[in-house]
Amino acid sequence: MRARPADRGTVFQRIRDIGDFFVSSSPARFALVIFTSLVLVLTAVLSLPIATAERNVTPLADAFFTAMSAICVTGLTTVDMATHWSTFGNVAILIGIEVGGIGVLTLASILGLVVSRRLGLRAKLIAASDSNPLRIHSGPVAEGQAIRLGEIGGLLATVAVSVLAIEAVLTILIAPRLLMNGDDPWTATWQAFYFATSAFTNTGFVPHVEGMTPFATDPWMLAVISLGVFVGSLGFPVIFALTKGWRGKHRMSLHVKLTLATTTILIVLGAIAIYALEWNNSQTLGAQDPVAQPMTATFLSIMTRSGGFSTVDIGQMHDSSLLVIDMLMFVGGGSASTAGGIKVTTLAVLFLAALAEAKGDNDIQVFKRRIPPDVLRVSVSVVLWGATIVAVSTIAILQVSKLPLDRVLFDVISAFGTCGLSTGVTESLPDAGKYILAATMWAGRVGTVTLAAALAASQRRQLFVRAEERPIVG
């Protein structure tokens, strides 16, 4: 009789050892398996009749798409989020958003720590690659420019605390406004938390039946949501660095400076472009008073970071405005943030490389620091990877839907950048198009992880150097 606990302990020990081996030997694959598994689990939950307000079974394509959109913190929808789901379904979606907002690698690190009760060196490297993907690339890494391996525990703590604290503050700021709008205390609190979670994770789901229409020209509501989206789009490493700065004198790293500077520049330029192109459009900004127009343009520019909220009908915007938003969504937010896209630092490195080439400089320099060539190599790879995903997905959806190119391209880039803005194409897609767009969201969310792992796996020791020859480019 006493042998059974030992046997059971042996079985559990073996399971834990297998999990420990899987985590330590291939953390990147572990992250992708966990991420995909969570999407499938949430799909199964949302397929239950209890998940819908009418107690009907949601079609598989819609349940899968919603689950993918929640876990990828995208915000694109094929059903009415405010009326289709029950309280049970909304809670499940919120849990999915929170998990997705934490991030694949961070989640894998936390789960790996739970399974194996420790993080090995390589697992720490994968966890830290949320702050610097070059850690799993060959060559030295300047620890001063990223999160040190010894600070991984602090980073994970920052993720957990910042998520809870920031969403709590946003909820407190939003709830009174919803009470003033006529909602009862429970509804106001619930929807305020939903708004807060959706804003900080850059998801863009709106629980209100009327959407953002009641708050189209509300400075308080738009400012609070914009603040949540902005902070979420900076990235946990930046938040971690800024919190360290409050506790003492710490020099901001190059990553933090590039993220803050590039994000601010893109928001300002985006707001100016949207205002200039839409101020006379009677279907969008033209219908608002002159005071509200700049506010709406700035709000939309911030939302292109991956926020996904909108106070105007995107489908009624001029094609020129859609193209500007396309470019902003493709860039996205900061590395290791709740935003998607190729990331603002990737754009910054490419711009600085072009500037250095134009000036005839051998090195890429900014803020009195030199950026090594392997960072440029990864940046180029990320952009090409993103452009390939967008091109393939756009061609496939055009083939199955026969919809206009500009509208399809907009929603595809929105899916890849996990933004959530839509021209209305997503809701009208056939099931095949929904699956393609869901795959685009998945690739956009985990694509950089896959690329980083591929770069790491491709590194091998070579004992010779081939002769150099320069092709003609440009």
Protein backbone atom coordinates (compact mmCIF):
# COMPACT_ATOMS: atom_id res chain seq x y z
CA MET A 1 0.00 0.00 0.00
CA ARG A 2 2.85 2.39 0.79
CA ALA A 3 4.46 1.80 -2.63
CA ARG A 4 1.73 3.64 -4.49
CA PRO A 5 2.72 7.18 -3.47
CA ALA A 6 6.29 6.41 -4.48
CA ASP A 7 5.11 5.04 -7.81
CA ARG A 8 2.90 8.04 -8.32
CA GLY A 9 5.79 10.30 -7.39
CA THR A 10 7.98 8.49 -9.89
CA VAL A 11 5.44 9.03 -12.66
CA PHE A 12 5.09 12.73 -11.83
CA GLN A 13 8.86 13.01 -11.61
CA ARG A 14 9.22 11.53 -15.08
CA ILE A 15 6.58 13.89 -16.49
CA ARG A 16 8.36 16.83 -14.91
CA ASP A 17 11.72 15.62 -16.24
CA ILE A 18 10.27 15.34 -19.76
CA GLY A 19 8.84 18.84 -19.48
CA ASP A 20 12.15 20.12 -18.13
CA PHE A 21 14.04 18.57 -21.05
CA PHE A 22 11.60 20.03 -23.60
CA VAL A 23 11.80 23.50 -22.07
CA SER A 24 15.58 23.56 -21.73
CA SER A 25 16.36 21.94 -25.09
CA SER A 26 14.05 24.08 -27.24
CA PRO A 27 12.36 26.99 -25.45
CA ALA A 28 11.33 28.60 -28.75
CA ARG A 29 9.42 25.50 -29.87
CA PHE A 30 7.97 25.21 -26.39
CA ALA A 31 6.67 28.79 -26.70
CA LEU A 32 5.06 28.11 -30.08
CA VAL A 33 3.45 24.87 -28.87
CA ILE A 34 2.03 26.60 -25.80
CA PHE A 35 0.80 29.56 -27.85
CA THR A 36 -0.93 27.40 -30.45
CA SER A 37 -2.38 25.11 -27.79
CA LEU A 38 -3.93 28.08 -26.01
CA VAL A 39 -5.60 29.18 -29.24
CA LEU A 40 -7.09 25.72 -29.72
CA VAL A 41 -8.28 25.54 -26.10
CA LEU A 42 -9.95 28.95 -26.33
CA THR A 43 -11.53 27.91 -29.64
CA ALA A 44 -13.07 24.89 -27.93
CA VAL A 45 -14.36 27.04 -25.07
CA LEU A 46 -15.91 29.63 -27.39
CA SER A 47 -17.57 26.85 -29.39
CA LEU A 48 -19.66 25.88 -26.35
CA PRO A 49 -23.30 27.07 -26.30
CA ILE A 50 -22.74 28.63 -22.86
CA ALA A 51 -20.21 31.02 -24.44
CA THR A 52 -22.89 32.82 -26.50
CA ALA A 53 -25.67 35.09 -25.32
CA GLU A 54 -28.26 33.11 -27.31
CA ARG A 55 -26.84 29.76 -26.13
CA ASN A 56 -26.17 28.77 -29.74
CA VAL A 57 -23.07 27.03 -31.05
CA THR A 58 -20.74 29.52 -32.68
CA PRO A 59 -19.52 28.36 -36.12
CA LEU A 60 -16.03 26.90 -35.91
CA ALA A 61 -14.53 29.51 -38.24
CA ASP A 62 -15.86 32.37 -36.06
CA ALA A 63 -14.85 30.71 -32.78
CA PHE A 64 -11.35 29.98 -34.10
CA PHE A 65 -10.97 33.48 -35.52
CA THR A 66 -12.08 35.13 -32.27
CA ALA A 67 -9.76 32.89 -30.22
CA MET A 68 -6.84 33.71 -32.49
CA SER A 69 -7.67 37.41 -32.41
CA ALA A 70 -7.81 37.36 -28.58
CA ILE A 71 -4.60 35.38 -28.02
CA CYS A 72 -2.80 37.45 -30.67
CA VAL A 73 -4.30 40.62 -29.10
CA THR A 74 -5.37 41.74 -32.56
CA GLY A 75 -8.96 42.95 -32.20
CA LEU A 76 -10.32 41.93 -35.59
CA THR A 77 -13.74 40.32 -35.30
CA THR A 78 -16.21 38.37 -37.40
CA VAL A 79 -19.06 38.65 -34.86
CA ASP A 80 -20.46 41.49 -32.75
CA MET A 81 -18.30 41.34 -29.62
CA ALA A 82 -20.77 43.36 -27.54
CA THR A 83 -23.84 41.18 -28.18
CA HIS A 84 -22.72 37.76 -29.42
CA TRP A 85 -20.88 36.47 -26.36
CA SER A 86 -22.28 35.69 -22.92
CA THR A 87 -20.61 36.64 -19.64
CA PHE A 88 -18.86 33.27 -19.70
CA GLY A 89 -17.61 33.89 -23.23
CA ASN A 90 -16.44 37.41 -22.43
CA VAL A 91 -14.51 36.18 -19.38
CA ALA A 92 -12.84 33.50 -21.51
CA ILE A 93 -11.93 36.13 -24.11
CA LEU A 94 -10.53 38.46 -21.44
CA ILE A 95 -8.36 35.65 -20.08
CA GLY A 96 -7.14 34.99 -23.62
CA ILE A 97 -6.33 38.69 -24.08
CA GLU A 98 -4.37 38.81 -20.81
CA VAL A 99 -2.40 35.70 -21.73
CA GLY A 100 -1.71 37.01 -25.22
CA GLY A 101 -0.70 40.40 -23.89
CA ILE A 102 1.96 38.86 -21.65
CA GLY A 103 3.72 37.52 -24.73
CA VAL A 104 4.75 34.15 -26.09
CA LEU A 105 8.29 34.06 -24.77
CA THR A 106 7.43 35.53 -21.39
CA LEU A 107 4.59 33.07 -21.01
CA ALA A 108 6.83 30.21 -22.04
CA SER A 109 9.42 31.31 -19.49
CA ILE A 110 6.87 31.49 -16.69
CA LEU A 111 5.36 28.12 -17.58
CA GLY A 112 8.80 26.63 -18.01
CA LEU A 113 9.71 27.88 -14.56
CA VAL A 114 6.55 26.32 -13.14
CA VAL A 115 7.18 22.99 -14.85
CA SER A 116 10.90 22.64 -14.17
CA ARG A 117 11.13 24.89 -11.08
CA ARG A 118 14.16 26.58 -12.62
CA LEU A 119 15.30 28.32 -15.78
CA GLY A 120 18.43 27.03 -17.44
CA LEU A 121 20.83 29.31 -19.30
CA ARG A 122 19.27 28.74 -22.71
CA ALA A 123 15.76 29.18 -21.30
CA LYS A 124 16.92 32.48 -19.83
CA LEU A 125 18.34 33.46 -23.19
CA ILE A 126 15.00 32.76 -24.87
CA ALA A 127 13.14 34.65 -22.15
CA ALA A 128 15.54 37.56 -22.54
CA SER A 129 15.13 37.53 -26.31
CA ASP A 130 11.85 39.38 -25.77
CA SER A 131 14.10 42.32 -24.91
CA ASN A 132 16.77 41.51 -27.50
CA PRO A 133 16.30 38.76 -30.13
CA LEU A 134 20.03 38.94 -30.91
CA ARG A 135 20.70 36.93 -27.74
CA ILE A 136 19.98 33.75 -29.66
CA HIS A 137 21.95 35.01 -32.62
CA SER A 138 25.67 34.45 -32.83
CA GLY A 139 28.08 37.03 -31.54
CA PRO A 140 28.44 39.06 -28.38
CA VAL A 141 25.57 40.97 -26.84
CA ALA A 142 26.09 44.26 -25.07
CA GLU A 143 24.28 43.64 -21.82
CA GLY A 144 24.01 47.35 -21.18
CA GLN A 145 21.64 47.61 -24.15
CA ALA A 146 19.19 44.96 -22.99
CA ILE A 147 17.87 43.13 -19.96
CA ARG A 148 20.71 41.34 -18.20
CA LEU A 149 20.30 37.61 -17.67
CA GLY A 150 20.42 38.18 -13.93
CA GLU A 151 17.47 40.56 -14.28
CA ILE A 152 15.12 38.11 -15.98
CA GLY A 153 13.29 37.51 -12.72
CA GLY A 154 12.85 41.26 -12.34
CA LEU A 155 11.56 41.51 -15.90
CA LEU A 156 8.98 38.78 -15.32
CA ALA A 157 7.93 40.52 -12.10
CA THR A 158 7.66 43.81 -13.99
CA VAL A 159 5.41 42.17 -16.57
CA ALA A 160 3.06 40.80 -13.91
CA VAL A 161 2.97 43.95 -11.78
CA SER A 162 2.68 46.38 -14.69
CA VAL A 163 -0.21 44.45 -16.24
CA LEU A 164 -2.16 44.45 -12.97
CA ALA A 165 -1.28 48.00 -11.89
CA ILE A 166 -1.76 49.74 -15.25
CA GLU A 167 -5.05 47.99 -16.00
CA ALA A 168 -6.30 48.79 -12.48
CA VAL A 169 -5.48 52.49 -12.94
CA LEU A 170 -7.14 52.57 -16.36
CA THR A 171 -10.23 50.87 -14.95
CA ILE A 172 -10.49 53.48 -12.18
CA LEU A 173 -10.19 56.28 -14.74
CA ILE A 174 -12.75 54.84 -17.17
CA ALA A 175 -15.46 53.62 -14.77
CA PRO A 176 -16.72 57.08 -13.69
CA ARG A 177 -17.10 58.12 -17.32
CA LEU A 178 -19.25 55.06 -18.02
CA LEU A 179 -21.34 55.83 -14.92
CA MET A 180 -21.91 59.32 -16.29
CA ASN A 181 -22.95 57.71 -19.56
CA GLY A 182 -25.86 56.01 -17.77
CA ASP A 183 -24.47 52.53 -17.04
CA ASP A 184 -25.21 50.89 -13.70
CA PRO A 185 -22.24 50.39 -11.30
CA TRP A 186 -21.68 46.71 -12.17
CA THR A 187 -21.86 47.29 -15.93
CA ALA A 188 -19.63 50.37 -15.67
CA THR A 189 -17.00 48.49 -13.65
CA TRP A 190 -17.07 45.44 -15.90
CA GLN A 191 -16.89 47.41 -19.12
CA ALA A 192 -14.23 49.72 -17.69
CA PHE A 193 -12.02 46.72 -16.93
CA TYR A 194 -12.74 45.36 -20.42
CA PHE A 195 -11.76 48.69 -21.98
CA ALA A 196 -8.64 48.88 -19.79
CA THR A 197 -7.51 45.36 -20.67
CA SER A 198 -8.25 45.87 -24.35
CA ALA A 199 -6.34 49.17 -24.37
CA PHE A 200 -3.20 48.11 -22.50
CA THR A 201 -2.90 44.85 -24.43
CA ASN A 202 -3.50 46.78 -27.68
CA THR A 203 -6.38 44.48 -28.60
CA GLY A 204 -9.13 46.93 -29.50
CA PHE A 205 -12.18 44.87 -28.53
CA VAL A 206 -15.07 47.14 -27.47
CA PRO A 207 -17.67 45.78 -25.01
CA HIS A 208 -20.08 48.69 -25.54
CA VAL A 209 -23.06 47.96 -27.80
CA GLU A 210 -22.64 51.30 -29.57
CA GLY A 211 -18.88 50.80 -29.89
CA MET A 212 -16.79 53.95 -29.59
CA THR A 213 -19.52 56.17 -31.05
CA PRO A 214 -20.66 57.68 -27.71
CA PHE A 215 -17.05 58.71 -27.01
CA ALA A 216 -16.11 59.95 -30.48
CA THR A 217 -15.38 63.47 -29.23
CA ASP A 218 -14.88 62.72 -25.52
CA PRO A 219 -11.41 64.06 -24.56
CA TRP A 220 -11.26 62.14 -21.28
CA MET A 221 -12.16 58.73 -22.70
CA LEU A 222 -9.95 59.09 -25.75
CA ALA A 223 -7.03 60.32 -23.63
CA VAL A 224 -7.26 57.41 -21.17
CA ILE A 225 -7.53 54.79 -23.91
CA SER A 226 -4.68 56.42 -25.82
CA LEU A 227 -2.54 56.37 -22.69
CA GLY A 228 -3.20 52.67 -22.19
CA VAL A 229 -2.39 51.85 -25.81
CA PHE A 230 0.75 54.01 -25.78
CA VAL A 231 2.16 52.42 -22.62
CA GLY A 232 1.33 48.92 -23.83
CA SER A 233 3.01 49.56 -27.17
CA LEU A 234 6.32 50.61 -25.59
CA GLY A 235 7.26 47.11 -24.46
CA PHE A 236 7.96 45.54 -21.09
CA PRO A 237 11.76 46.07 -21.34
CA VAL A 238 11.14 49.82 -21.73
CA ILE A 239 8.71 49.83 -18.81
CA PHE A 240 11.27 47.84 -16.79
CA ALA A 241 14.02 50.34 -17.64
CA LEU A 242 11.81 53.32 -16.80
CA THR A 243 10.82 51.83 -13.44
CA LYS A 244 14.51 51.32 -12.64
CA GLY A 245 15.09 54.95 -13.54
CA TRP A 246 12.56 56.07 -10.92
CA ARG A 247 14.43 54.14 -8.23
CA GLY A 248 17.86 55.58 -8.99
CA LYS A 249 20.16 57.06 -11.58
CA HIS A 250 20.25 54.69 -14.55
CA ARG A 251 21.34 55.65 -18.04
CA MET A 252 18.67 54.86 -20.58
CA SER A 253 19.78 52.18 -23.01
CA LEU A 254 19.88 52.70 -26.75
CA HIS A 255 16.83 50.45 -27.13
CA VAL A 256 14.78 52.62 -24.77
CA LYS A 257 15.84 55.84 -26.50
CA LEU A 258 15.12 54.49 -29.98
CA THR A 259 11.73 53.13 -28.92
CA LEU A 260 10.59 56.37 -27.27
CA ALA A 261 11.95 58.63 -30.02
CA THR A 262 10.67 56.61 -32.98
CA THR A 263 7.24 56.00 -31.41
CA THR A 264 6.79 59.71 -30.71
CA ILE A 265 7.89 60.72 -34.21
CA LEU A 266 5.53 58.23 -35.86
CA ILE A 267 2.57 59.34 -33.73
CA VAL A 268 3.15 63.01 -34.60
CA LEU A 269 3.72 62.39 -38.31
CA GLY A 270 0.75 60.01 -38.46
CA ALA A 271 -1.56 62.54 -36.80
CA ILE A 272 -0.46 65.29 -39.20
CA ALA A 273 -0.94 63.04 -42.24
CA ILE A 274 -4.39 61.79 -41.18
CA TYR A 275 -5.58 65.30 -40.36
CA ALA A 276 -4.26 66.71 -43.65
CA LEU A 277 -5.89 63.95 -45.71
CA GLU A 278 -9.20 63.66 -43.86
CA TRP A 279 -10.11 67.13 -42.55
CA ASN A 280 -12.53 67.72 -45.43
CA ASN A 281 -13.96 64.19 -45.63
CA SER A 282 -17.59 64.56 -44.53
CA GLN A 283 -17.73 60.83 -43.67
CA THR A 284 -14.88 61.02 -41.15
CA LEU A 285 -13.10 64.05 -39.68
CA GLY A 286 -15.08 66.50 -41.81
CA ALA A 287 -18.21 65.72 -39.81
CA GLN A 288 -16.56 66.90 -36.56
CA ASP A 289 -16.00 70.41 -35.29
CA PRO A 290 -12.54 71.96 -35.85
CA VAL A 291 -11.53 71.43 -32.22
CA ALA A 292 -12.26 67.68 -32.30
CA GLN A 293 -10.55 67.02 -35.64
CA PRO A 294 -6.93 67.19 -34.41
CA MET A 295 -7.87 65.10 -31.38
CA THR A 296 -9.41 62.39 -33.57
CA ALA A 297 -6.43 62.41 -35.94
CA THR A 298 -4.02 62.00 -33.02
CA PHE A 299 -6.17 59.24 -31.52
CA LEU A 300 -6.21 57.33 -34.81
CA SER A 301 -2.44 57.74 -35.18
CA ILE A 302 -1.89 56.24 -31.72
CA MET A 303 -4.27 53.39 -32.56
CA THR A 304 -2.13 52.43 -35.56
CA ARG A 305 0.56 51.41 -33.06
CA SER A 306 -1.67 48.31 -32.66
CA GLY A 307 -4.49 49.75 -30.52
CA GLY A 308 -7.35 49.02 -32.89
CA PHE A 309 -9.93 51.43 -31.44
CA SER A 310 -11.59 53.78 -33.88
CA THR A 311 -14.05 56.66 -33.54
CA VAL A 312 -14.67 56.98 -37.30
CA ASP A 313 -15.69 54.55 -40.03
CA ILE A 314 -12.36 53.34 -41.44
CA GLY A 315 -14.11 52.10 -44.56
CA GLN A 316 -15.11 55.69 -45.42
CA MET A 317 -11.57 57.08 -45.29
CA HIS A 318 -9.76 58.18 -48.45
CA ASP A 319 -7.46 55.65 -50.11
CA SER A 320 -4.51 57.93 -49.39
CA SER A 321 -5.31 57.83 -45.67
CA LEU A 322 -5.65 54.05 -45.74
CA LEU A 323 -2.21 53.78 -47.31
CA VAL A 324 -0.70 55.95 -44.57
CA ILE A 325 -2.35 53.79 -41.91
CA ASP A 326 -1.12 50.67 -43.74
CA MET A 327 2.46 51.85 -43.31
CA LEU A 328 1.99 52.77 -39.67
CA MET A 329 0.33 49.43 -38.83
CA PHE A 330 3.09 47.50 -40.59
CA VAL A 331 5.65 49.19 -38.32
CA GLY A 332 3.63 48.58 -35.16
CA GLY A 333 4.96 49.20 -31.65
CA GLY A 334 7.98 48.41 -29.50
CA SER A 335 9.77 45.10 -29.12
CA ALA A 336 8.41 42.77 -26.42
CA SER A 337 5.27 44.89 -26.24
CA THR A 338 1.61 44.05 -26.63
CA ALA A 339 1.79 45.64 -30.10
CA GLY A 340 2.60 43.86 -33.34
CA GLY A 341 4.28 44.80 -36.62
CA ILE A 342 7.96 44.78 -37.50
CA LYS A 343 8.60 47.04 -34.44
CA VAL A 344 9.69 50.67 -34.27
CA THR A 345 13.33 49.84 -33.51
CA THR A 346 13.52 47.77 -36.69
CA LEU A 347 12.38 50.79 -38.69
CA ALA A 348 14.81 53.02 -36.80
CA VAL A 349 17.79 50.75 -37.58
CA LEU A 350 16.89 50.60 -41.28
CA PHE A 351 16.49 54.38 -41.47
CA LEU A 352 19.78 54.95 -39.67
CA ALA A 353 21.50 52.48 -42.01
CA ALA A 354 20.18 54.35 -45.05
CA LEU A 355 21.27 57.65 -43.50
CA ALA A 356 24.75 56.29 -42.80
CA GLU A 357 25.02 55.04 -46.38
CA ALA A 358 23.94 58.43 -47.75
CA LYS A 359 26.55 60.18 -45.59
CA GLY A 360 29.26 57.69 -46.55
CA ASP A 361 29.73 56.45 -42.96
CA ASN A 362 31.03 52.93 -42.40
CA ASP A 363 29.13 52.54 -39.12
CA ILE A 364 25.51 53.03 -38.07
CA GLN A 365 25.62 55.55 -35.24
CA VAL A 366 22.96 57.17 -33.05
CA PHE A 367 22.90 58.68 -29.55
CA LYS A 368 26.71 58.38 -29.42
CA ARG A 369 26.51 54.62 -29.89
CA ARG A 370 27.41 52.32 -32.80
CA ILE A 371 24.96 49.67 -33.98
CA PRO A 372 26.69 46.45 -35.15
CA PRO A 373 26.01 44.97 -38.62
CA ASP A 374 24.26 41.84 -37.29
CA VAL A 375 21.46 44.05 -35.91
CA LEU A 376 20.93 45.42 -39.41
CA ARG A 377 20.88 41.88 -40.78
CA VAL A 378 18.11 40.85 -38.39
CA SER A 379 16.17 44.04 -39.14
CA VAL A 380 16.25 43.38 -42.87
CA SER A 381 15.20 39.76 -42.29
CA VAL A 382 12.24 40.81 -40.13
CA VAL A 383 11.01 43.28 -42.75
CA LEU A 384 11.31 40.75 -45.57
CA TRP A 385 9.58 38.12 -43.44
CA GLY A 386 6.73 40.53 -42.68
CA ALA A 387 6.38 41.69 -46.28
CA THR A 388 6.25 38.07 -47.48
CA ILE A 389 3.51 37.19 -44.99
CA VAL A 390 1.44 40.21 -46.02
CA ALA A 391 1.90 39.54 -49.74
CA VAL A 392 1.02 35.84 -49.58
CA SER A 393 -2.01 36.42 -47.34
CA THR A 394 -3.29 39.27 -49.51
CA ILE A 395 -3.04 37.20 -52.69
CA ALA A 396 -4.79 34.24 -51.05
CA ILE A 397 -7.66 36.31 -49.64
CA LEU A 398 -8.10 38.18 -52.94
CA GLN A 399 -8.45 34.82 -54.65
CA VAL A 400 -11.11 33.44 -52.30
CA SER A 401 -13.05 36.66 -51.70
CA LYS A 402 -12.76 38.71 -54.94
CA LEU A 403 -12.84 41.88 -52.81
CA PRO A 404 -11.02 45.16 -53.64
CA LEU A 405 -7.24 45.10 -53.22
CA ASP A 406 -6.94 48.24 -51.07
CA ARG A 407 -9.53 46.96 -48.55
CA VAL A 408 -8.07 43.46 -48.38
CA LEU A 409 -4.51 44.76 -48.04
CA PHE A 410 -5.58 47.04 -45.18
CA ASP A 411 -7.16 44.22 -43.17
CA VAL A 412 -4.26 41.85 -43.89
CA ILE A 413 -1.71 44.38 -42.61
CA SER A 414 -3.96 45.01 -39.63
CA ALA A 415 -3.94 41.28 -38.91
CA PHE A 416 -0.18 40.96 -39.34
CA GLY A 417 0.44 44.01 -37.14
CA THR A 418 -2.15 42.71 -34.64
CA CYS A 419 -3.80 46.13 -34.90
CA GLY A 420 -7.52 45.43 -35.26
CA LEU A 421 -8.54 48.36 -37.47
CA SER A 422 -10.74 47.20 -40.33
CA THR A 423 -12.43 48.55 -43.44
CA GLY A 424 -15.25 46.03 -42.95
CA VAL A 425 -13.67 43.33 -45.10
CA THR A 426 -13.04 40.89 -42.24
CA GLU A 427 -16.72 40.44 -41.35
CA SER A 428 -17.64 39.68 -44.97
CA LEU A 429 -14.94 37.07 -45.61
CA PRO A 430 -15.86 33.47 -46.42
CA ASP A 431 -14.67 30.82 -43.98
CA ALA A 432 -11.56 30.15 -46.06
CA GLY A 433 -10.66 33.84 -45.86
CA LYS A 434 -11.19 33.85 -42.09
CA TYR A 435 -8.76 30.97 -41.66
CA ILE A 436 -6.19 32.70 -43.87
CA LEU A 437 -6.51 35.92 -41.89
CA ALA A 438 -6.27 33.97 -38.62
CA ALA A 439 -3.05 32.36 -39.87
CA THR A 440 -1.78 35.86 -40.70
CA MET A 441 -2.45 36.96 -37.13
CA TRP A 442 -0.57 33.91 -35.83
CA ALA A 443 2.40 34.55 -38.11
CA GLY A 444 2.46 38.22 -37.24
CA ARG A 445 2.46 37.50 -33.52
CA VAL A 446 5.02 34.68 -33.44
CA GLY A 447 6.84 35.40 -36.70
CA THR A 448 9.77 37.21 -35.11
CA VAL A 449 10.16 34.35 -32.63
CA THR A 450 10.30 31.84 -35.47
CA LEU A 451 12.76 34.03 -37.37
CA ALA A 452 15.01 34.44 -34.35
CA ALA A 453 14.98 30.69 -33.72
CA ALA A 454 15.75 30.04 -37.39
CA LEU A 455 18.67 32.46 -37.27
CA ALA A 456 19.99 30.75 -34.16
CA ALA A 457 19.59 27.30 -35.68
CA SER A 458 21.31 28.38 -38.89
CA GLN A 459 24.50 29.36 -37.10
CA ARG A 460 27.20 26.73 -37.52
CA ARG A 461 30.91 26.71 -37.15
CA GLN A 462 32.69 27.17 -40.46
CA LEU A 463 36.42 26.60 -40.69
CA PHE A 464 36.95 28.46 -43.94
CA VAL A 465 35.99 31.75 -45.59
CA ARG A 466 34.91 31.89 -49.22
CA ALA A 467 36.26 34.42 -51.70
CA GLU A 468 34.45 37.76 -51.66
CA GLU A 469 32.66 39.10 -54.72
CA ARG A 470 30.32 42.08 -54.86
CA PRO A 471 27.09 41.92 -56.93
CA ILE A 472 25.66 45.11 -58.40
CA VAL A 473 22.76 46.40 -56.30
CA GLY A 474 20.54 49.46 -56.60
